[in-house]
C-alpha cells in the first residue's frame, strides 16, 4: 500500500486526486493539506510514502515545505504537481529535495505512474519538464550548484 498525502490549495484538485487514488488498488490517501505549513505538520503525524505537492500555496509554499520535509523526513518522497513549468520553479524544487516534477496538465496515468515509481525510489520528471532541462544542458548553460 502506497500512503499518499495531497497538498494543494485548490479543494477541487485535492478531491479529484483523492477520488482517483482511492479508486485504485494499492493507494491510501492519509491526508490533505491546503498549504505548505499544514503539509509539513501532516507529514510528521501521518508519515506518508509520497507527498503530492503544489508549488504555490498560501502561508508556506510547496518549495519551502519540501525543503522542511527533506530535512526532517527524508524517507518521504515529494512529487511536485503544478502549473509552473519555468526553470526557476523546477530547479528550486529540485534543490529543495523534490524527487519529481510534473505538470497539472499531465494524464492520470502519468501521475499514478510517478507515484508508483516514487515508491520504488525512482525520480520522475514529466516529459515537458525533462525536455526543458535537457535543452538547458544542450545549450551549454552553466548549471547552478546545489546548496
C-alpha atoms as a PDB file:
ATOM      1  CA  UNK A   1       0.000   0.000   0.000  1.00  0.00           C
ATOM      2  CA  UNK A   2       1.399   3.416  -1.021  1.00  0.00           C
ATOM      3  CA  UNK A   3       0.463   6.063   1.539  1.00  0.00           C
ATOM      4  CA  UNK A   4      -0.111   9.466  -0.114  1.00  0.00           C
ATOM      5  CA  UNK A   5      -0.567  12.977   1.271  1.00  0.00           C
ATOM      6  CA  UNK A   6      -2.076  15.589  -1.082  1.00  0.00           C
ATOM      7  CA  UNK A   7      -1.037  19.234  -0.626  1.00  0.00           C
ATOM      8  CA  UNK A   8      -2.761  21.787  -2.849  1.00  0.00           C
ATOM      9  CA  UNK A   9      -4.648  24.989  -2.086  1.00  0.00           C
ATOM     10  CA  UNK A  10      -7.446  24.143  -4.520  1.00  0.00           C
ATOM     11  CA  UNK A  11     -10.131  21.896  -2.965  1.00  0.00           C
ATOM     12  CA  UNK A  12     -11.151  20.559  -6.393  1.00  0.00           C
ATOM     13  CA  UNK A  13      -7.614  19.358  -7.109  1.00  0.00           C
ATOM     14  CA  UNK A  14      -7.363  17.682  -3.711  1.00  0.00           C
ATOM     15  CA  UNK A  15     -10.727  15.952  -4.010  1.00  0.00           C
ATOM     16  CA  UNK A  16     -10.028  14.894  -7.605  1.00  0.00           C
ATOM     17  CA  UNK A  17      -6.681  13.344  -6.685  1.00  0.00           C
ATOM     18  CA  UNK A  18      -8.223  11.659  -3.658  1.00  0.00           C
ATOM     19  CA  UNK A  19     -11.029  10.197  -5.796  1.00  0.00           C
ATOM     20  CA  UNK A  20      -8.545   8.975  -8.400  1.00  0.00           C
ATOM     21  CA  UNK A  21      -6.155   7.379  -5.936  1.00  0.00           C
ATOM     22  CA  UNK A  22      -8.774   5.765  -3.719  1.00  0.00           C
ATOM     23  CA  UNK A  23     -10.386   4.188  -6.779  1.00  0.00           C
ATOM     24  CA  UNK A  24      -7.190   2.213  -7.416  1.00  0.00           C
ATOM     25  CA  UNK A  25      -5.750  -0.767  -5.594  1.00  0.00           C
ATOM     26  CA  UNK A  26      -2.549  -0.116  -3.694  1.00  0.00           C
ATOM     27  CA  UNK A  27      -3.104   3.531  -2.706  1.00  0.00           C
ATOM     28  CA  UNK A  28      -4.191   5.060   0.581  1.00  0.00           C
ATOM     29  CA  UNK A  29      -4.692   8.819   0.929  1.00  0.00           C
ATOM     30  CA  UNK A  30      -3.618   9.576   4.503  1.00  0.00           C
ATOM     31  CA  UNK A  31      -4.340  13.303   4.477  1.00  0.00           C
ATOM     32  CA  UNK A  32      -4.888  16.548   2.637  1.00  0.00           C
ATOM     33  CA  UNK A  33      -3.368  19.975   3.213  1.00  0.00           C
ATOM     34  CA  UNK A  34      -4.311  23.372   1.781  1.00  0.00           C
ATOM     35  CA  UNK A  35      -0.905  24.959   2.468  1.00  0.00           C
ATOM     36  CA  UNK A  36       2.718  24.006   2.961  1.00  0.00           C
ATOM     37  CA  UNK A  37       2.763  24.509   6.710  1.00  0.00           C
ATOM     38  CA  UNK A  38      -0.142  22.066   7.161  1.00  0.00           C
ATOM     39  CA  UNK A  39       1.543  19.624   4.773  1.00  0.00           C
ATOM     40  CA  UNK A  40       4.714  19.550   6.881  1.00  0.00           C
ATOM     41  CA  UNK A  41       2.655  19.014  10.038  1.00  0.00           C
ATOM     42  CA  UNK A  42       0.709  16.153   8.423  1.00  0.00           C
ATOM     43  CA  UNK A  43       3.900  14.524   7.140  1.00  0.00           C
ATOM     44  CA  UNK A  44       5.179  14.292  10.714  1.00  0.00           C
ATOM     45  CA  UNK A  45       1.880  12.921  12.020  1.00  0.00           C
ATOM     46  CA  UNK A  46       0.932  10.557   9.167  1.00  0.00           C
ATOM     47  CA  UNK A  47       4.325   9.519   7.702  1.00  0.00           C
ATOM     48  CA  UNK A  48       3.171   9.097   4.093  1.00  0.00           C
ATOM     49  CA  UNK A  49       5.372   7.464   1.497  1.00  0.00           C
ATOM     50  CA  UNK A  50       4.678  10.216  -1.053  1.00  0.00           C
ATOM     51  CA  UNK A  51       3.526  13.835  -0.852  1.00  0.00           C
ATOM     52  CA  UNK A  52       1.920  15.249  -3.989  1.00  0.00           C
ATOM     53  CA  UNK A  53       2.680  18.961  -3.558  1.00  0.00           C
ATOM     54  CA  UNK A  54       1.760  22.138  -5.418  1.00  0.00           C
ATOM     55  CA  UNK A  55       4.450  24.816  -5.784  1.00  0.00           C
ATOM     56  CA  UNK A  56       2.386  27.877  -4.939  1.00  0.00           C
ATOM     57  CA  UNK A  57       0.203  27.770  -1.839  1.00  0.00           C
ATOM     58  CA  UNK A  58      -0.714  30.235   0.919  1.00  0.00           C
ATOM     59  CA  UNK A  59       1.097  30.567   4.274  1.00  0.00           C
ATOM     60  CA  UNK A  60       4.024  28.448   3.156  1.00  0.00           C
ATOM     61  CA  UNK A  61       4.665  27.455  -0.428  1.00  0.00           C
ATOM     62  CA  UNK A  62       5.437  23.989  -1.688  1.00  0.00           C
ATOM     63  CA  UNK A  63       9.139  24.603  -2.209  1.00  0.00           C
ATOM     64  CA  UNK A  64       9.778  25.691   1.381  1.00  0.00           C
ATOM     65  CA  UNK A  65       7.557  22.859   2.645  1.00  0.00           C
ATOM     66  CA  UNK A  66       9.553  20.407   0.515  1.00  0.00           C
ATOM     67  CA  UNK A  67      12.804  21.761   1.978  1.00  0.00           C
ATOM     68  CA  UNK A  68      11.481  21.187   5.510  1.00  0.00           C
ATOM     69  CA  UNK A  69      10.189  17.704   4.689  1.00  0.00           C
ATOM     70  CA  UNK A  70      13.505  16.686   3.078  1.00  0.00           C
ATOM     71  CA  UNK A  71      15.382  17.894   6.167  1.00  0.00           C
ATOM     72  CA  UNK A  72      13.142  16.264   8.778  1.00  0.00           C
ATOM     73  CA  UNK A  73      11.585  13.266   7.000  1.00  0.00           C
ATOM     74  CA  UNK A  74      13.991  12.301   4.186  1.00  0.00           C
ATOM     75  CA  UNK A  75      12.276   8.953   3.549  1.00  0.00           C
ATOM     76  CA  UNK A  76       9.161  10.808   2.359  1.00  0.00           C
ATOM     77  CA  UNK A  77       9.251  11.429  -1.408  1.00  0.00           C
ATOM     78  CA  UNK A  78       7.848  14.746  -2.654  1.00  0.00           C
ATOM     79  CA  UNK A  79       6.304  14.946  -6.114  1.00  0.00           C
ATOM     80  CA  UNK A  80       5.622  18.480  -7.302  1.00  0.00           C
ATOM     81  CA  UNK A  81       2.350  18.610  -9.264  1.00  0.00           C
ATOM     82  CA  UNK A  82       1.934  22.143 -10.515  1.00  0.00           C
ATOM     83  CA  UNK A  83       1.126  24.522 -13.350  1.00  0.00           C
ATOM     84  CA  UNK A  84       4.550  26.187 -13.010  1.00  0.00           C
ATOM     85  CA  UNK A  85       6.955  24.958 -15.665  1.00  0.00           C
ATOM     86  CA  UNK A  86       9.509  27.778 -15.513  1.00  0.00           C
ATOM     87  CA  UNK A  87      13.145  26.850 -14.952  1.00  0.00           C
ATOM     88  CA  UNK A  88      13.348  28.734 -11.665  1.00  0.00           C
ATOM     89  CA  UNK A  89      10.498  26.720 -10.118  1.00  0.00           C
ATOM     90  CA  UNK A  90      11.804  23.385 -11.408  1.00  0.00           C
ATOM     91  CA  UNK A  91      15.338  23.919 -10.129  1.00  0.00           C
ATOM     92  CA  UNK A  92      14.162  25.429  -6.828  1.00  0.00           C
ATOM     93  CA  UNK A  93      12.025  22.333  -6.242  1.00  0.00           C
ATOM     94  CA  UNK A  94      14.938  20.027  -7.075  1.00  0.00           C
ATOM     95  CA  UNK A  95      17.269  21.955  -4.764  1.00  0.00           C
ATOM     96  CA  UNK A  96      14.648  21.754  -2.013  1.00  0.00           C
ATOM     97  CA  UNK A  97      14.592  17.963  -2.297  1.00  0.00           C
ATOM     98  CA  UNK A  98      11.677  17.136  -4.606  1.00  0.00           C
ATOM     99  CA  UNK A  99      12.181  13.790  -6.331  1.00  0.00           C
ATOM    100  CA  UNK A 100       9.867  14.607  -9.184  1.00  0.00           C
ATOM    101  CA  UNK A 101       8.120  17.401 -11.011  1.00  0.00           C
ATOM    102  CA  UNK A 102       5.132  17.028 -13.305  1.00  0.00           C
ATOM    103  CA  UNK A 103       2.591  19.463 -14.631  1.00  0.00           C
ATOM    104  CA  UNK A 104      -1.089  19.521 -13.750  1.00  0.00           C
ATOM    105  CA  UNK A 105      -1.870  19.033 -17.416  1.00  0.00           C
ATOM    106  CA  UNK A 106      -0.441  15.502 -17.182  1.00  0.00           C
ATOM    107  CA  UNK A 107      -2.597  12.481 -17.875  1.00  0.00           C
ATOM    108  CA  UNK A 108      -3.880  10.493 -14.903  1.00  0.00           C
ATOM    109  CA  UNK A 109      -1.665   7.538 -15.824  1.00  0.00           C
ATOM    110  CA  UNK A 110       1.425   9.771 -15.674  1.00  0.00           C
ATOM    111  CA  UNK A 111       0.578  10.943 -12.141  1.00  0.00           C
ATOM    112  CA  UNK A 112      -0.197   7.400 -10.967  1.00  0.00           C
ATOM    113  CA  UNK A 113       2.961   6.086 -12.617  1.00  0.00           C
ATOM    114  CA  UNK A 114       5.055   8.783 -10.939  1.00  0.00           C
ATOM    115  CA  UNK A 115       3.670   7.937  -7.502  1.00  0.00           C
ATOM    116  CA  UNK A 116       4.322   4.232  -8.076  1.00  0.00           C
ATOM    117  CA  UNK A 117       7.857   4.988  -9.285  1.00  0.00           C
ATOM    118  CA  UNK A 118       8.477   7.027  -6.148  1.00  0.00           C
ATOM    119  CA  UNK A 119       7.543   4.047  -4.016  1.00  0.00           C
ATOM    120  CA  UNK A 120      10.413   2.206  -5.758  1.00  0.00           C
ATOM    121  CA  UNK A 121      12.862   5.043  -5.056  1.00  0.00           C
ATOM    122  CA  UNK A 122      12.866   6.488  -8.578  1.00  0.00           C
ATOM    123  CA  UNK A 123      12.843  10.165  -9.556  1.00  0.00           C
ATOM    124  CA  UNK A 124      10.322  11.343 -12.149  1.00  0.00           C
ATOM    125  CA  UNK A 125      10.093  14.452 -14.286  1.00  0.00           C
ATOM    126  CA  UNK A 126       7.245  14.950 -16.710  1.00  0.00           C
ATOM    127  CA  UNK A 127       8.092  14.960 -20.436  1.00  0.00           C
ATOM    128  CA  UNK A 128       7.842  18.732 -20.908  1.00  0.00           C
ATOM    129  CA  UNK A 129       9.916  19.440 -17.785  1.00  0.00           C
ATOM    130  CA  UNK A 130      12.527  16.839 -18.744  1.00  0.00           C
ATOM    131  CA  UNK A 131      12.715  18.307 -22.247  1.00  0.00           C
ATOM    132  CA  UNK A 132      13.362  21.796 -20.857  1.00  0.00           C
ATOM    133  CA  UNK A 133      16.124  20.504 -18.581  1.00  0.00           C
ATOM    134  CA  UNK A 134      17.748  18.655 -21.478  1.00  0.00           C
ATOM    135  CA  UNK A 135      17.567  21.785 -23.637  1.00  0.00           C
ATOM    136  CA  UNK A 136      19.346  23.773 -20.925  1.00  0.00           C
ATOM    137  CA  UNK A 137      22.168  21.263 -20.793  1.00  0.00           C
ATOM    138  CA  UNK A 138      22.383  21.038 -24.579  1.00  0.00           C
ATOM    139  CA  UNK A 139      22.566  24.838 -24.815  1.00  0.00           C
ATOM    140  CA  UNK A 140      25.622  24.757 -22.576  1.00  0.00           C
ATOM    141  CA  UNK A 141      24.138  26.954 -19.875  1.00  0.00           C
ATOM    142  CA  UNK A 142      26.183  26.600 -16.726  1.00  0.00           C
ATOM    143  CA  UNK A 143      24.431  24.624 -14.030  1.00  0.00           C
ATOM    144  CA  UNK A 144      23.831  26.330 -10.732  1.00  0.00           C
ATOM    145  CA  UNK A 145      25.435  24.419  -7.881  1.00  0.00           C
ATOM    146  CA  UNK A 146      23.096  22.802  -5.398  1.00  0.00           C
ATOM    147  CA  UNK A 147      23.368  24.253  -1.904  1.00  0.00           C
END
